[in-house]
């Protein structure tokens, strides 16, 4: 049983690493990467989008009207296709259905710009722990709307704190800028950011 679980985790790791590697090498665009999914045996397969849905982009304004938990909202938003796939693969998507959270969600384009040194570390170790910590750094326990965001620090699910800076009509979270905000879910809120947050260590 342990060997089965280890093999399964290794397969997930290799699948995510493959996608991130292709993004880094520039051989696959975020749009194409979003159409890649892992089969039950963790092999990468290409998913052909249904023609009707492929021709109808989902507006962010429509997404804000989606009723559901954080996981449902993320999976419903076309900006988070890669994010949703990775969260599901490492087990964080299910965790976001329990409890109340605030997510600083990087777009697919932001994921494609993941810093080289982080990608190299993941590719070298083929270990999801570091990447899991990175994504947990984007999650704040509790619901924090932009009206509640004040200059200072917020403790993340990963354990470290992220710095909040406010300037006129702009809010910066660590090295990223909030480009869309207060996307409500039944158990929290999502703020869209333009870059991956960098862990302080």
C-alpha atoms as a PDB file:
ATOM      1  CA  UNK A   1       0.000   0.000   0.000  1.00  0.00           C
ATOM      2  CA  UNK A   2       2.818   2.370   0.926  1.00  0.00           C
ATOM      3  CA  UNK A   3       4.568   1.657  -2.379  1.00  0.00           C
ATOM      4  CA  UNK A   4       1.333   2.378  -4.240  1.00  0.00           C
ATOM      5  CA  UNK A   5       0.923   5.743  -2.488  1.00  0.00           C
ATOM      6  CA  UNK A   6       4.593   6.608  -3.061  1.00  0.00           C
ATOM      7  CA  UNK A   7       4.271   5.777  -6.756  1.00  0.00           C
ATOM      8  CA  UNK A   8       1.072   7.780  -7.003  1.00  0.00           C
ATOM      9  CA  UNK A   9       2.692  10.827  -5.367  1.00  0.00           C
ATOM     10  CA  UNK A  10       5.720  10.481  -7.607  1.00  0.00           C
ATOM     11  CA  UNK A  11       3.439  10.392 -10.638  1.00  0.00           C
ATOM     12  CA  UNK A  12       1.693  13.582  -9.536  1.00  0.00           C
ATOM     13  CA  UNK A  13       5.042  15.248  -8.959  1.00  0.00           C
ATOM     14  CA  UNK A  14       6.335  14.275 -12.381  1.00  0.00           C
ATOM     15  CA  UNK A  15       3.113  15.479 -14.007  1.00  0.00           C
ATOM     16  CA  UNK A  16       3.288  18.939 -12.443  1.00  0.00           C
ATOM     17  CA  UNK A  17       7.031  19.167 -12.993  1.00  0.00           C
ATOM     18  CA  UNK A  18       6.504  18.333 -16.670  1.00  0.00           C
ATOM     19  CA  UNK A  19       3.962  21.118 -17.089  1.00  0.00           C
ATOM     20  CA  UNK A  20       6.100  23.660 -15.217  1.00  0.00           C
ATOM     21  CA  UNK A  21       9.143  22.587 -17.177  1.00  0.00           C
ATOM     22  CA  UNK A  22       7.382  23.127 -20.486  1.00  0.00           C
ATOM     23  CA  UNK A  23       6.186  26.539 -19.339  1.00  0.00           C
ATOM     24  CA  UNK A  24       9.715  27.509 -18.348  1.00  0.00           C
ATOM     25  CA  UNK A  25      11.223  26.364 -21.632  1.00  0.00           C
ATOM     26  CA  UNK A  26       8.619  28.357 -23.503  1.00  0.00           C
ATOM     27  CA  UNK A  27       7.503  25.269 -25.422  1.00  0.00           C
ATOM     28  CA  UNK A  28       3.948  25.453 -24.148  1.00  0.00           C
ATOM     29  CA  UNK A  29       1.755  28.480 -23.583  1.00  0.00           C
ATOM     30  CA  UNK A  30      -0.459  28.972 -20.524  1.00  0.00           C
ATOM     31  CA  UNK A  31      -3.493  28.403 -22.756  1.00  0.00           C
ATOM     32  CA  UNK A  32      -2.169  25.053 -23.991  1.00  0.00           C
ATOM     33  CA  UNK A  33      -0.954  24.062 -20.527  1.00  0.00           C
ATOM     34  CA  UNK A  34      -4.443  24.635 -19.209  1.00  0.00           C
ATOM     35  CA  UNK A  35      -5.728  21.966 -21.572  1.00  0.00           C
ATOM     36  CA  UNK A  36      -3.337  19.378 -20.140  1.00  0.00           C
ATOM     37  CA  UNK A  37      -4.570  17.072 -17.404  1.00  0.00           C
ATOM     38  CA  UNK A  38      -3.334  13.955 -15.655  1.00  0.00           C
ATOM     39  CA  UNK A  39      -4.998  10.612 -16.246  1.00  0.00           C
ATOM     40  CA  UNK A  40      -5.676   8.155 -13.437  1.00  0.00           C
ATOM     41  CA  UNK A  41      -2.184   6.654 -13.831  1.00  0.00           C
ATOM     42  CA  UNK A  42      -0.619  10.137 -13.801  1.00  0.00           C
ATOM     43  CA  UNK A  43       0.286  10.143 -17.479  1.00  0.00           C
ATOM     44  CA  UNK A  44      -0.057  13.497 -19.197  1.00  0.00           C
ATOM     45  CA  UNK A  45      -2.804  13.512 -21.789  1.00  0.00           C
ATOM     46  CA  UNK A  46      -4.190  16.273 -23.941  1.00  0.00           C
ATOM     47  CA  UNK A  47      -7.764  17.211 -23.262  1.00  0.00           C
ATOM     48  CA  UNK A  48      -9.768  18.501 -26.162  1.00  0.00           C
ATOM     49  CA  UNK A  49     -12.138  21.252 -24.980  1.00  0.00           C
ATOM     50  CA  UNK A  50     -15.728  20.891 -26.030  1.00  0.00           C
ATOM     51  CA  UNK A  51     -16.447  23.129 -28.996  1.00  0.00           C
ATOM     52  CA  UNK A  52     -19.391  24.903 -27.403  1.00  0.00           C
ATOM     53  CA  UNK A  53     -17.522  25.876 -24.241  1.00  0.00           C
ATOM     54  CA  UNK A  54     -14.288  26.611 -26.096  1.00  0.00           C
ATOM     55  CA  UNK A  55     -16.052  29.293 -28.124  1.00  0.00           C
ATOM     56  CA  UNK A  56     -17.610  30.990 -25.100  1.00  0.00           C
ATOM     57  CA  UNK A  57     -15.065  32.624 -22.759  1.00  0.00           C
ATOM     58  CA  UNK A  58     -16.333  33.068 -19.211  1.00  0.00           C
ATOM     59  CA  UNK A  59     -16.359  36.669 -18.102  1.00  0.00           C
ATOM     60  CA  UNK A  60     -14.814  37.454 -14.684  1.00  0.00           C
ATOM     61  CA  UNK A  61     -18.045  39.325 -13.887  1.00  0.00           C
ATOM     62  CA  UNK A  62     -19.975  36.105 -14.413  1.00  0.00           C
ATOM     63  CA  UNK A  63     -17.520  34.259 -12.180  1.00  0.00           C
ATOM     64  CA  UNK A  64     -18.298  36.647  -9.336  1.00  0.00           C
ATOM     65  CA  UNK A  65     -21.885  35.451  -9.543  1.00  0.00           C
ATOM     66  CA  UNK A  66     -20.917  31.794  -9.173  1.00  0.00           C
ATOM     67  CA  UNK A  67     -22.253  30.381  -5.924  1.00  0.00           C
ATOM     68  CA  UNK A  68     -19.916  27.849  -4.367  1.00  0.00           C
ATOM     69  CA  UNK A  69     -16.883  27.285  -2.218  1.00  0.00           C
ATOM     70  CA  UNK A  70     -13.405  28.564  -3.032  1.00  0.00           C
ATOM     71  CA  UNK A  71     -12.501  25.411  -4.956  1.00  0.00           C
ATOM     72  CA  UNK A  72     -15.614  25.708  -7.129  1.00  0.00           C
ATOM     73  CA  UNK A  73     -14.978  29.373  -7.901  1.00  0.00           C
ATOM     74  CA  UNK A  74     -11.328  28.720  -8.842  1.00  0.00           C
ATOM     75  CA  UNK A  75     -12.291  25.858 -11.159  1.00  0.00           C
ATOM     76  CA  UNK A  76     -14.989  28.032 -12.752  1.00  0.00           C
ATOM     77  CA  UNK A  77     -12.654  30.927 -13.595  1.00  0.00           C
ATOM     78  CA  UNK A  78     -10.803  30.747 -16.915  1.00  0.00           C
ATOM     79  CA  UNK A  79      -7.893  32.707 -15.428  1.00  0.00           C
ATOM     80  CA  UNK A  80      -7.035  29.874 -13.015  1.00  0.00           C
ATOM     81  CA  UNK A  81      -7.009  26.744 -15.189  1.00  0.00           C
ATOM     82  CA  UNK A  82      -3.403  25.836 -14.395  1.00  0.00           C
ATOM     83  CA  UNK A  83      -3.742  26.895 -10.767  1.00  0.00           C
ATOM     84  CA  UNK A  84      -6.835  24.743 -10.307  1.00  0.00           C
ATOM     85  CA  UNK A  85      -5.155  21.727 -11.868  1.00  0.00           C
ATOM     86  CA  UNK A  86      -2.064  22.047  -9.661  1.00  0.00           C
ATOM     87  CA  UNK A  87      -4.078  22.667  -6.480  1.00  0.00           C
ATOM     88  CA  UNK A  88      -6.100  19.560  -7.196  1.00  0.00           C
ATOM     89  CA  UNK A  89      -3.008  17.477  -7.924  1.00  0.00           C
ATOM     90  CA  UNK A  90      -1.251  18.309  -4.650  1.00  0.00           C
ATOM     91  CA  UNK A  91      -4.389  18.019  -2.518  1.00  0.00           C
ATOM     92  CA  UNK A  92      -4.917  21.672  -1.656  1.00  0.00           C
ATOM     93  CA  UNK A  93      -8.113  22.054  -3.655  1.00  0.00           C
ATOM     94  CA  UNK A  94     -10.043  19.761  -1.303  1.00  0.00           C
ATOM     95  CA  UNK A  95      -8.548  21.573   1.687  1.00  0.00           C
ATOM     96  CA  UNK A  96      -9.986  24.844   0.376  1.00  0.00           C
ATOM     97  CA  UNK A  97     -13.487  23.388   0.720  1.00  0.00           C
ATOM     98  CA  UNK A  98     -13.106  23.207   4.500  1.00  0.00           C
ATOM     99  CA  UNK A  99     -12.776  26.280   6.669  1.00  0.00           C
ATOM    100  CA  UNK A 100     -12.686  29.942   5.683  1.00  0.00           C
ATOM    101  CA  UNK A 101      -9.793  31.378   3.670  1.00  0.00           C
ATOM    102  CA  UNK A 102      -8.569  34.306   1.630  1.00  0.00           C
ATOM    103  CA  UNK A 103      -6.638  33.398  -1.514  1.00  0.00           C
ATOM    104  CA  UNK A 104      -4.226  35.618  -3.392  1.00  0.00           C
ATOM    105  CA  UNK A 105      -4.644  33.755  -6.672  1.00  0.00           C
ATOM    106  CA  UNK A 106      -2.021  34.102  -9.416  1.00  0.00           C
ATOM    107  CA  UNK A 107      -3.310  33.942 -12.979  1.00  0.00           C
ATOM    108  CA  UNK A 108      -2.074  31.343 -15.453  1.00  0.00           C
ATOM    109  CA  UNK A 109       0.141  34.022 -16.981  1.00  0.00           C
ATOM    110  CA  UNK A 110       1.692  34.667 -13.568  1.00  0.00           C
ATOM    111  CA  UNK A 111       2.353  30.945 -13.092  1.00  0.00           C
ATOM    112  CA  UNK A 112       4.088  30.885 -16.450  1.00  0.00           C
ATOM    113  CA  UNK A 113       6.494  33.522 -15.112  1.00  0.00           C
ATOM    114  CA  UNK A 114       7.481  31.518 -12.025  1.00  0.00           C
ATOM    115  CA  UNK A 115      11.074  32.515 -11.112  1.00  0.00           C
ATOM    116  CA  UNK A 116      13.738  30.346 -12.684  1.00  0.00           C
ATOM    117  CA  UNK A 117      15.425  29.431  -9.387  1.00  0.00           C
ATOM    118  CA  UNK A 118      12.181  28.054  -7.946  1.00  0.00           C
ATOM    119  CA  UNK A 119      11.450  26.032 -11.061  1.00  0.00           C
ATOM    120  CA  UNK A 120      14.977  24.630 -11.101  1.00  0.00           C
ATOM    121  CA  UNK A 121      14.617  23.531  -7.471  1.00  0.00           C
ATOM    122  CA  UNK A 122      11.349  21.754  -8.238  1.00  0.00           C
ATOM    123  CA  UNK A 123      12.708  20.170 -11.400  1.00  0.00           C
ATOM    124  CA  UNK A 124      15.839  18.992  -9.596  1.00  0.00           C
ATOM    125  CA  UNK A 125      14.147  17.476  -6.543  1.00  0.00           C
ATOM    126  CA  UNK A 126      10.883  16.395  -8.204  1.00  0.00           C
ATOM    127  CA  UNK A 127       9.411  17.017  -4.751  1.00  0.00           C
ATOM    128  CA  UNK A 128       6.062  18.724  -4.267  1.00  0.00           C
ATOM    129  CA  UNK A 129       6.763  19.881  -0.714  1.00  0.00           C
ATOM    130  CA  UNK A 130       8.415  23.128  -1.765  1.00  0.00           C
ATOM    131  CA  UNK A 131       5.707  23.897  -4.297  1.00  0.00           C
ATOM    132  CA  UNK A 132       2.989  23.075  -1.757  1.00  0.00           C
ATOM    133  CA  UNK A 133       4.569  25.538   0.671  1.00  0.00           C
ATOM    134  CA  UNK A 134       4.709  28.140  -2.094  1.00  0.00           C
ATOM    135  CA  UNK A 135       0.982  27.828  -2.802  1.00  0.00           C
ATOM    136  CA  UNK A 136       0.117  27.800   0.913  1.00  0.00           C
ATOM    137  CA  UNK A 137       1.936  31.142   1.102  1.00  0.00           C
ATOM    138  CA  UNK A 138      -0.861  32.505  -1.107  1.00  0.00           C
ATOM    139  CA  UNK A 139      -3.581  31.539   1.398  1.00  0.00           C
ATOM    140  CA  UNK A 140      -4.635  33.504   4.487  1.00  0.00           C
ATOM    141  CA  UNK A 141      -6.798  31.882   7.185  1.00  0.00           C
ATOM    142  CA  UNK A 142     -10.118  33.718   7.478  1.00  0.00           C
ATOM    143  CA  UNK A 143     -11.951  36.069   5.130  1.00  0.00           C
ATOM    144  CA  UNK A 144     -10.098  39.314   4.379  1.00  0.00           C
ATOM    145  CA  UNK A 145     -11.704  41.668   1.860  1.00  0.00           C
ATOM    146  CA  UNK A 146      -9.871  44.628   0.330  1.00  0.00           C
ATOM    147  CA  UNK A 147     -11.680  46.879   2.799  1.00  0.00           C
ATOM    148  CA  UNK A 148      -9.937  44.924   5.559  1.00  0.00           C
ATOM    149  CA  UNK A 149      -6.492  44.955   3.930  1.00  0.00           C
ATOM    150  CA  UNK A 150      -4.292  47.447   5.734  1.00  0.00           C
ATOM    151  CA  UNK A 151      -0.576  48.133   5.430  1.00  0.00           C
ATOM    152  CA  UNK A 152       1.256  45.588   7.550  1.00  0.00           C
ATOM    153  CA  UNK A 153       1.702  41.836   7.640  1.00  0.00           C
ATOM    154  CA  UNK A 154      -0.674  38.892   7.361  1.00  0.00           C
ATOM    155  CA  UNK A 155       0.198  35.375   8.465  1.00  0.00           C
ATOM    156  CA  UNK A 156      -0.257  32.809   5.710  1.00  0.00           C
ATOM    157  CA  UNK A 157      -1.286  29.164   5.800  1.00  0.00           C
ATOM    158  CA  UNK A 158       2.355  28.297   5.092  1.00  0.00           C
ATOM    159  CA  UNK A 159       3.381  29.904   8.380  1.00  0.00           C
ATOM    160  CA  UNK A 160       5.313  32.960   7.230  1.00  0.00           C
ATOM    161  CA  UNK A 161       3.823  36.427   6.912  1.00  0.00           C
ATOM    162  CA  UNK A 162       3.266  38.369   3.707  1.00  0.00           C
ATOM    163  CA  UNK A 163       3.621  42.161   3.573  1.00  0.00           C
ATOM    164  CA  UNK A 164       0.667  44.308   2.529  1.00  0.00           C
ATOM    165  CA  UNK A 165       1.278  47.777   1.084  1.00  0.00           C
ATOM    166  CA  UNK A 166      -1.399  50.247   0.076  1.00  0.00           C
ATOM    167  CA  UNK A 167      -0.902  53.234  -2.218  1.00  0.00           C
ATOM    168  CA  UNK A 168      -3.817  55.279  -3.496  1.00  0.00           C
ATOM    169  CA  UNK A 169      -5.999  52.791  -5.377  1.00  0.00           C
ATOM    170  CA  UNK A 170      -3.353  50.063  -5.519  1.00  0.00           C
ATOM    171  CA  UNK A 171      -2.744  47.211  -3.099  1.00  0.00           C
ATOM    172  CA  UNK A 172       0.488  45.250  -3.188  1.00  0.00           C
ATOM    173  CA  UNK A 173       0.851  41.820  -1.619  1.00  0.00           C
ATOM    174  CA  UNK A 174       4.528  41.001  -1.262  1.00  0.00           C
ATOM    175  CA  UNK A 175       5.992  41.372  -4.738  1.00  0.00           C
ATOM    176  CA  UNK A 176       2.594  41.167  -6.470  1.00  0.00           C
ATOM    177  CA  UNK A 177      -0.196  43.612  -7.245  1.00  0.00           C
ATOM    178  CA  UNK A 178      -3.903  42.864  -6.802  1.00  0.00           C
ATOM    179  CA  UNK A 179      -5.516  43.253 -10.231  1.00  0.00           C
ATOM    180  CA  UNK A 180      -9.009  42.004  -9.346  1.00  0.00           C
ATOM    181  CA  UNK A 181     -10.492  41.696  -5.909  1.00  0.00           C
ATOM    182  CA  UNK A 182     -13.249  40.534  -3.586  1.00  0.00           C
ATOM    183  CA  UNK A 183     -14.390  37.541  -5.645  1.00  0.00           C
ATOM    184  CA  UNK A 184     -16.737  35.996  -3.139  1.00  0.00           C
ATOM    185  CA  UNK A 185     -17.147  32.331  -2.287  1.00  0.00           C
ATOM    186  CA  UNK A 186     -19.269  30.626   0.335  1.00  0.00           C
ATOM    187  CA  UNK A 187     -16.217  30.092   2.537  1.00  0.00           C
ATOM    188  CA  UNK A 188     -13.957  33.017   1.753  1.00  0.00           C
ATOM    189  CA  UNK A 189     -12.740  35.473  -0.849  1.00  0.00           C
ATOM    190  CA  UNK A 190     -10.282  35.548  -3.752  1.00  0.00           C
ATOM    191  CA  UNK A 191      -8.017  38.397  -4.821  1.00  0.00           C
ATOM    192  CA  UNK A 192      -6.341  38.029  -8.220  1.00  0.00           C
ATOM    193  CA  UNK A 193      -2.622  38.867  -8.360  1.00  0.00           C
ATOM    194  CA  UNK A 194      -0.264  39.420 -11.292  1.00  0.00           C
ATOM    195  CA  UNK A 195       2.761  37.532  -9.946  1.00  0.00           C
ATOM    196  CA  UNK A 196       3.668  34.497  -7.874  1.00  0.00           C
ATOM    197  CA  UNK A 197       4.413  35.473  -4.289  1.00  0.00           C
ATOM    198  CA  UNK A 198       8.008  34.774  -3.327  1.00  0.00           C
ATOM    199  CA  UNK A 199       8.654  32.908  -0.076  1.00  0.00           C
ATOM    200  CA  UNK A 200      10.798  34.926   2.332  1.00  0.00           C
ATOM    201  CA  UNK A 201      13.302  32.084   2.677  1.00  0.00           C
END
